Protein backbone atom coordinates (compact mmCIF):
# COMPACT_ATOMS: atom_id res chain seq x y z
CA MET A 1 -55.55 158.89 54.47
CA LEU A 2 -57.95 157.66 51.81
CA PHE A 3 -58.55 160.07 48.92
CA GLY A 4 -61.94 159.79 47.15
CA LEU A 5 -61.14 159.93 43.45
CA ARG A 6 -64.68 160.88 42.39
CA PHE A 7 -65.07 163.95 44.55
CA PHE A 8 -61.40 164.83 44.91
CA THR A 9 -61.02 168.33 43.50
CA PHE A 10 -58.30 170.41 45.12
CA ILE A 11 -56.03 170.02 48.13
CA ARG A 12 -53.32 172.35 49.32
CA SER A 13 -50.74 171.46 51.93
CA THR A 14 -47.59 173.18 53.08
CA LEU A 15 -44.54 170.93 53.48
CA ARG A 16 -40.98 172.16 53.88
CA GLY A 17 -42.26 175.65 53.12
CA ASP A 18 -43.60 174.73 49.67
CA VAL A 19 -47.22 174.79 48.51
CA VAL A 20 -48.32 171.52 46.90
CA ALA A 21 -51.50 171.57 44.79
CA PHE A 22 -53.20 168.24 44.08
CA GLY A 23 -56.33 167.58 42.05
CA ALA A 24 -58.27 169.71 39.60
CA ILE A 25 -57.61 173.43 39.26
CA ALA A 26 -60.70 175.62 39.62
CA GLY A 27 -61.71 177.20 36.33
CA ILE A 28 -59.62 174.82 34.19
CA PRO A 29 -61.94 172.17 32.69
CA VAL A 30 -60.73 169.06 30.90
CA GLY A 31 -59.87 169.94 27.31
CA THR A 32 -58.54 173.43 28.05
CA HIS A 33 -55.89 174.27 25.43
CA PHE A 34 -52.75 176.31 26.04
CA GLU A 35 -50.53 177.69 23.31
CA ARG A 36 -47.35 177.75 25.37
CA ARG A 37 -45.78 175.79 28.21
CA ALA A 38 -45.54 179.06 30.13
CA ASP A 39 -49.34 179.40 29.94
CA VAL A 40 -49.75 175.93 31.46
CA ALA A 41 -47.46 176.92 34.33
CA ALA A 42 -49.16 180.27 34.88
CA ALA A 43 -52.53 178.51 35.20
CA GLY A 44 -51.09 176.22 37.89
CA VAL A 45 -51.87 173.08 35.89
CA HIS A 46 -48.20 172.07 35.54
CA ARG A 47 -46.00 174.55 37.40
CA ALA A 48 -42.63 173.57 35.90
CA LEU A 49 -41.43 175.21 32.71
CA ILE A 50 -38.92 172.39 32.25
CA GLY A 51 -39.44 168.83 33.45
CA GLY A 52 -42.22 166.33 32.91
CA ILE A 53 -43.10 165.70 36.57
CA VAL A 54 -44.06 168.19 39.27
CA GLY A 55 -44.02 166.79 42.80
CA ARG A 56 -41.92 165.54 45.70
CA PRO A 57 -41.19 162.04 47.00
CA ASP A 58 -42.65 162.80 50.44
CA ALA A 59 -45.85 164.39 49.16
CA GLY A 60 -46.70 162.90 45.77
CA ALA A 61 -46.92 164.09 42.18
CA GLU A 62 -49.11 167.05 41.24
CA SER A 63 -48.91 166.76 37.47
CA ILE A 64 -47.10 165.34 34.48
CA VAL A 65 -46.68 166.35 30.85
CA ALA A 66 -47.14 163.51 28.35
CA SER A 67 -45.28 164.84 25.34
CA GLY A 68 -43.89 161.65 23.83
CA GLY A 69 -40.40 162.82 24.70
CA TYR A 70 -39.36 159.32 25.76
CA GLU A 71 -39.28 156.63 23.10
CA ASP A 72 -40.94 154.07 25.38
CA ASP A 73 -44.03 156.19 26.17
CA GLU A 74 -47.41 154.75 25.14
CA ASP A 75 -50.52 156.94 25.05
CA LEU A 76 -53.62 154.76 24.71
CA GLY A 77 -56.14 157.47 25.51
CA ASP A 78 -57.67 156.56 28.86
CA VAL A 79 -54.51 154.62 29.74
CA ILE A 80 -50.99 156.03 29.56
CA ILE A 81 -47.86 153.93 29.99
CA TYR A 82 -45.60 156.73 31.17
CA THR A 83 -41.80 156.63 31.29
CA GLY A 84 -40.20 158.23 34.32
CA GLN A 85 -37.63 161.00 34.26
CA GLY A 86 -33.87 160.74 34.01
CA GLY A 87 -31.15 159.22 31.89
CA ARG A 88 -32.00 161.00 28.63
CA ASN A 89 -29.59 163.04 26.53
CA PRO A 90 -31.26 166.47 26.22
CA GLU A 91 -29.63 167.13 22.86
CA THR A 92 -30.49 163.87 21.09
CA GLY A 93 -33.52 162.79 23.13
CA ARG A 94 -32.07 159.29 23.44
CA GLN A 95 -31.89 157.24 26.62
CA VAL A 96 -28.23 156.99 27.68
CA ALA A 97 -28.42 155.86 31.33
CA HIS A 98 -30.51 153.88 33.80
CA GLN A 99 -33.36 155.53 35.68
CA SER A 100 -34.17 155.07 39.37
CA PHE A 101 -37.14 155.64 41.66
CA THR A 102 -35.91 159.04 42.83
CA ARG A 103 -37.13 162.66 42.55
CA GLY A 104 -40.20 162.90 40.31
CA ASN A 105 -40.34 159.14 39.82
CA ALA A 106 -40.53 158.65 43.59
CA ALA A 107 -43.29 161.27 43.71
CA LEU A 108 -45.35 159.19 41.27
CA VAL A 109 -44.75 156.12 43.44
CA THR A 110 -46.12 158.04 46.43
CA SER A 111 -49.18 159.04 44.40
CA CYS A 112 -49.75 155.38 43.55
CA LEU A 113 -49.44 154.19 47.15
CA ARG A 114 -51.63 156.97 48.58
CA GLY A 115 -54.25 157.07 45.83
CA ILE A 116 -53.55 160.69 44.89
CA PRO A 117 -54.79 161.61 41.39
CA VAL A 118 -52.35 163.37 39.07
CA ARG A 119 -53.11 166.11 36.55
CA VAL A 120 -52.09 165.12 33.02
CA VAL A 121 -51.20 167.55 30.26
CA ARG A 122 -50.72 166.34 26.69
CA GLY A 123 -48.83 168.20 24.01
CA SER A 124 -45.58 169.68 22.79
CA THR A 125 -43.99 172.99 21.89
CA ASN A 126 -45.20 172.79 18.28
CA ALA A 127 -48.74 171.54 18.90
CA GLY A 128 -49.54 173.38 22.11
CA TYR A 129 -50.78 171.77 25.32
CA THR A 130 -54.15 170.37 26.41
CA TYR A 131 -55.27 169.55 29.95
CA ALA A 132 -56.37 165.89 29.82
CA GLY A 133 -57.79 165.63 33.34
CA LEU A 134 -56.99 163.58 36.45
CA PHE A 135 -55.31 160.21 36.13
CA ARG A 136 -54.69 157.59 38.80
CA VAL A 137 -51.24 155.95 39.02
CA ASP A 138 -52.46 152.37 38.82
CA GLU A 139 -49.08 150.62 39.12
CA TYR A 140 -45.36 151.12 38.65
CA TRP A 141 -42.40 148.90 37.82
CA MET A 142 -38.91 148.80 36.31
CA GLU A 143 -38.15 147.35 32.88
CA GLN A 144 -35.54 147.43 30.14
CA GLY A 145 -36.35 150.11 27.58
CA ARG A 146 -35.76 150.05 23.85
CA ALA A 147 -32.32 151.58 24.26
CA GLY A 148 -31.27 148.80 26.65
CA PHE A 149 -31.36 150.83 29.87
CA GLN A 150 -33.56 150.25 32.93
CA ILE A 151 -36.47 152.70 33.00
CA CYS A 152 -39.22 153.48 35.50
CA ARG A 153 -42.70 152.81 34.12
CA PHE A 154 -46.09 153.98 35.37
CA ARG A 155 -49.51 152.79 34.25
CA MET A 156 -51.85 155.76 34.55
CA VAL A 157 -55.62 155.42 34.19
CA ALA A 158 -58.05 158.26 33.55
CA GLU A 159 -60.17 158.95 36.63
CA GLU A 160 -63.42 158.15 34.81
CA GLU A 161 -62.00 154.73 33.93
CA ALA A 162 -60.45 154.00 37.32
CA GLY A 163 -63.15 151.55 38.44
CA GLU A 164 -63.56 149.70 35.16
CA ASP A 165 -61.87 146.58 33.85
CA ARG A 166 -62.10 147.00 30.11
CA VAL A 167 -58.84 145.29 29.25
CA THR A 168 -58.69 142.12 31.31
CA PRO A 169 -61.79 139.96 31.62
CA PRO A 170 -63.11 137.40 32.57
CA GLN A 171 -65.03 139.15 35.34
CA PRO A 172 -65.60 142.78 36.31
CA ALA A 173 -63.15 144.04 38.88
CA LYS A 174 -64.33 144.57 42.42
CA ARG A 175 -63.27 147.77 44.17
CA ILE A 176 -62.43 147.49 47.85
CA ALA A 177 -61.12 150.12 50.26
CA THR A 178 -57.72 149.74 51.90
CA THR A 179 -55.04 152.36 52.49
CA VAL A 180 -55.38 153.18 48.79
CA LEU A 181 -58.01 152.38 46.20
CA ARG A 182 -57.02 149.25 44.34
CA ILE A 183 -58.57 146.57 42.17
CA VAL A 184 -58.91 143.03 43.56
CA ARG A 185 -59.85 140.40 41.00
CA ASP A 186 -61.70 137.37 42.35
CA THR A 187 -62.00 135.06 39.36
CA LYS A 188 -62.69 131.34 39.52
CA VAL A 189 -58.96 130.65 39.32
CA SER A 190 -58.36 133.06 42.20
CA GLN A 191 -60.95 131.22 44.26
CA GLN A 192 -59.23 127.96 43.37
CA VAL A 193 -55.76 129.02 44.56
CA LYS A 194 -57.25 130.27 47.83
CA ALA A 195 -59.15 127.04 48.40
CA LEU A 196 -56.10 124.88 47.63
CA ASN A 197 -54.10 126.84 50.21
CA ASP A 198 -56.93 126.83 52.76
CA PHE A 199 -57.10 130.66 52.62
CA THR A 200 -53.66 130.80 54.25
CA CYS A 201 -51.04 133.36 53.19
CA GLN A 202 -48.17 131.65 51.36
CA VAL A 203 -45.69 134.19 52.76
CA CYS A 204 -46.52 134.61 56.46
CA GLY A 205 -48.82 131.64 57.11
CA THR A 206 -51.62 133.84 58.45
CA ARG A 207 -55.20 132.60 58.06
CA LEU A 208 -57.62 135.48 58.62
CA MET A 209 -61.02 134.55 60.03
CA CYS A 210 -63.89 136.96 59.49
CA VAL A 211 -67.58 136.77 60.28
CA GLY A 212 -68.76 134.38 57.60
CA GLY A 213 -65.48 132.60 56.96
CA PRO A 214 -61.78 132.92 56.12
CA TYR A 215 -60.37 135.74 53.98
CA ALA A 216 -57.41 135.75 51.59
CA GLU A 217 -56.59 137.33 48.24
CA GLY A 218 -55.48 135.81 44.96
CA ALA A 219 -52.45 137.77 43.74
CA HIS A 220 -51.48 137.64 40.08
CA ILE A 221 -47.71 137.35 39.71
CA ARG A 222 -47.51 138.67 36.15
CA PRO A 223 -50.20 141.37 36.25
CA LEU A 224 -53.27 141.19 34.06
CA GLY A 225 -53.87 143.84 31.41
CA LYS A 226 -51.58 146.05 29.38
CA PRO A 227 -48.65 146.22 29.23
CA HIS A 228 -47.99 142.97 31.15
CA ASN A 229 -50.79 140.79 29.70
CA GLY A 230 -50.42 138.07 32.30
CA PRO A 231 -52.79 135.07 32.08
CA ASP A 232 -55.46 134.22 34.61
CA VAL A 233 -54.15 130.71 35.32
CA LEU A 234 -53.32 128.87 38.54
CA GLU A 235 -49.56 128.98 37.90
CA ASN A 236 -49.73 132.80 37.80
CA LEU A 237 -51.36 133.18 41.22
CA LEU A 238 -50.39 133.27 44.87
CA CYS A 239 -52.66 133.07 47.91
CA LEU A 240 -51.75 136.04 50.11
CA CYS A 241 -53.06 138.06 53.02
CA ALA A 242 -54.00 141.65 52.18
CA ASN A 243 -50.75 143.07 53.56
CA HIS A 244 -48.47 140.80 51.57
CA HIS A 245 -50.61 141.24 48.45
CA VAL A 246 -49.97 145.00 48.58
CA LEU A 247 -46.24 144.46 49.24
CA PHE A 248 -45.94 141.98 46.38
CA ASP A 249 -47.73 144.21 43.88
CA HIS A 250 -45.51 147.17 44.80
CA GLY A 251 -42.14 145.44 44.91
CA GLY A 252 -41.95 144.80 48.65
CA PHE A 253 -40.57 141.30 48.06
CA VAL A 254 -39.80 138.82 45.30
CA ILE A 255 -39.60 135.03 45.08
CA ASP A 256 -36.44 133.42 43.70
CA GLU A 257 -35.92 130.29 41.59
CA GLY A 258 -35.79 128.15 44.72
CA TYR A 259 -39.14 129.52 45.97
CA LEU A 260 -37.47 131.61 48.67
CA VAL A 261 -39.13 134.90 49.67
CA LEU A 262 -36.57 137.75 49.45
CA GLY A 263 -36.91 141.28 50.80
CA LEU A 264 -38.62 140.71 54.16
CA GLY A 265 -35.54 140.11 56.28
CA GLU A 266 -34.09 136.60 56.28
CA PRO A 267 -35.09 134.53 53.21
CA THR A 268 -37.98 132.19 53.98
CA PRO A 269 -39.52 129.39 51.91
CA LEU A 270 -42.78 129.95 50.09
CA LEU A 271 -45.56 128.16 51.95
CA GLY A 272 -48.68 126.41 50.77
CA MET A 273 -49.88 123.64 48.51
CA THR A 274 -49.40 125.36 45.13
CA LYS A 275 -46.18 126.27 43.32
CA PRO A 276 -46.29 129.19 40.88
CA GLY A 277 -44.68 128.97 37.44
CA GLN A 278 -41.03 129.95 37.25
CA GLN A 279 -41.65 132.07 34.14
CA PHE A 280 -44.11 134.26 36.06
CA LEU A 281 -41.82 134.61 39.08
CA ALA A 282 -38.96 135.60 36.77
CA TYR A 283 -41.15 138.25 35.14
CA HIS A 284 -42.08 139.71 38.53
CA ARG A 285 -38.41 139.79 39.57
CA SER A 286 -37.53 141.62 36.37
CA LEU A 287 -39.90 144.45 37.32
CA TRP A 288 -37.93 145.16 40.49
CA GLN A 289 -34.37 144.09 39.67
CA GLN A 290 -32.97 147.62 40.15
CA THR A 291 -34.62 148.19 43.53
CA SER A 292 -33.28 147.48 47.00
CA ILE A 293 -34.98 144.09 47.28
CA LEU A 294 -32.40 142.44 45.07
CA THR A 295 -29.43 144.47 46.30
CA SER A 296 -29.89 144.52 50.09
CA GLU A 297 -30.57 141.52 52.31
CA ASN A 298 -32.49 143.31 55.02
CA SER A 299 -34.40 145.94 53.09
CA LEU A 300 -38.04 146.55 53.91
CA MET A 301 -38.30 149.57 51.60
CA LEU A 302 -40.44 149.50 48.48
CA VAL A 303 -37.80 151.57 46.73
CA LYS A 304 -34.25 152.35 47.79
CA GLU A 305 -33.57 155.87 46.65
CA TRP A 306 -36.41 158.25 47.46
CA GLU A 307 -34.07 161.02 48.54
CA GLU A 308 -31.19 162.42 46.54
């Protein structure tokens, strides 16, 4: 189901006997201030008194609280680089264990894949809490945090900014509709990698023919924009069909040092006329090194541990 981010306001569904509330809450405009966490919960903006993420893996995330409780959090205003839950010592606030894509983290993954906007609340016990509006989960990945442990990371973009490309020129991003709303960049370098590979997917060998000509997508291996800051160069691009582009961006498979595709059953060689740079492939692998792709030969899951 495709969720329209502009006119998405409020959806209720009953799953496993629980009521899940997505979108904006009637009567609570952006900027509404709450003195206490209990007031935020009573208003239905973030229903948990403890915990930064409200949601379920099978349904998606309703809301998060961005309080700066994790040392790796980055709040850039319209963009938030949010650290997932888990692995933190509640007494010291320090990260003491690895995180995984489970529980609330898995709920945010679902929101990303289904295009479900998430309510964001900023604040803390001392400063109070402010409703910041709806944010889209633009992407997610795994990386090593400052404390040396693997943490789940989520790039969240304010709904008003969801269709803009203010960080990564050279050309405005083009919005297309698939199973979720996503940004497809079609720069000159992207056109080049597609032409060199004759618009044929370098993973499955499919060449899609549409009215007017062939169709393929240029997939950046190290993503453009913060926090990845990948370059728009030929060595950082693959020519993929739409399906494998989505899988690649969301950790469905990786490519090893020998240009073998891992995660889609038996390893297969990367096809095509272009060879991506090893430094970019290594970066992409590092984003998913704690997921099932690198620990299970036959996994087709985007993440391994959605259920406890």
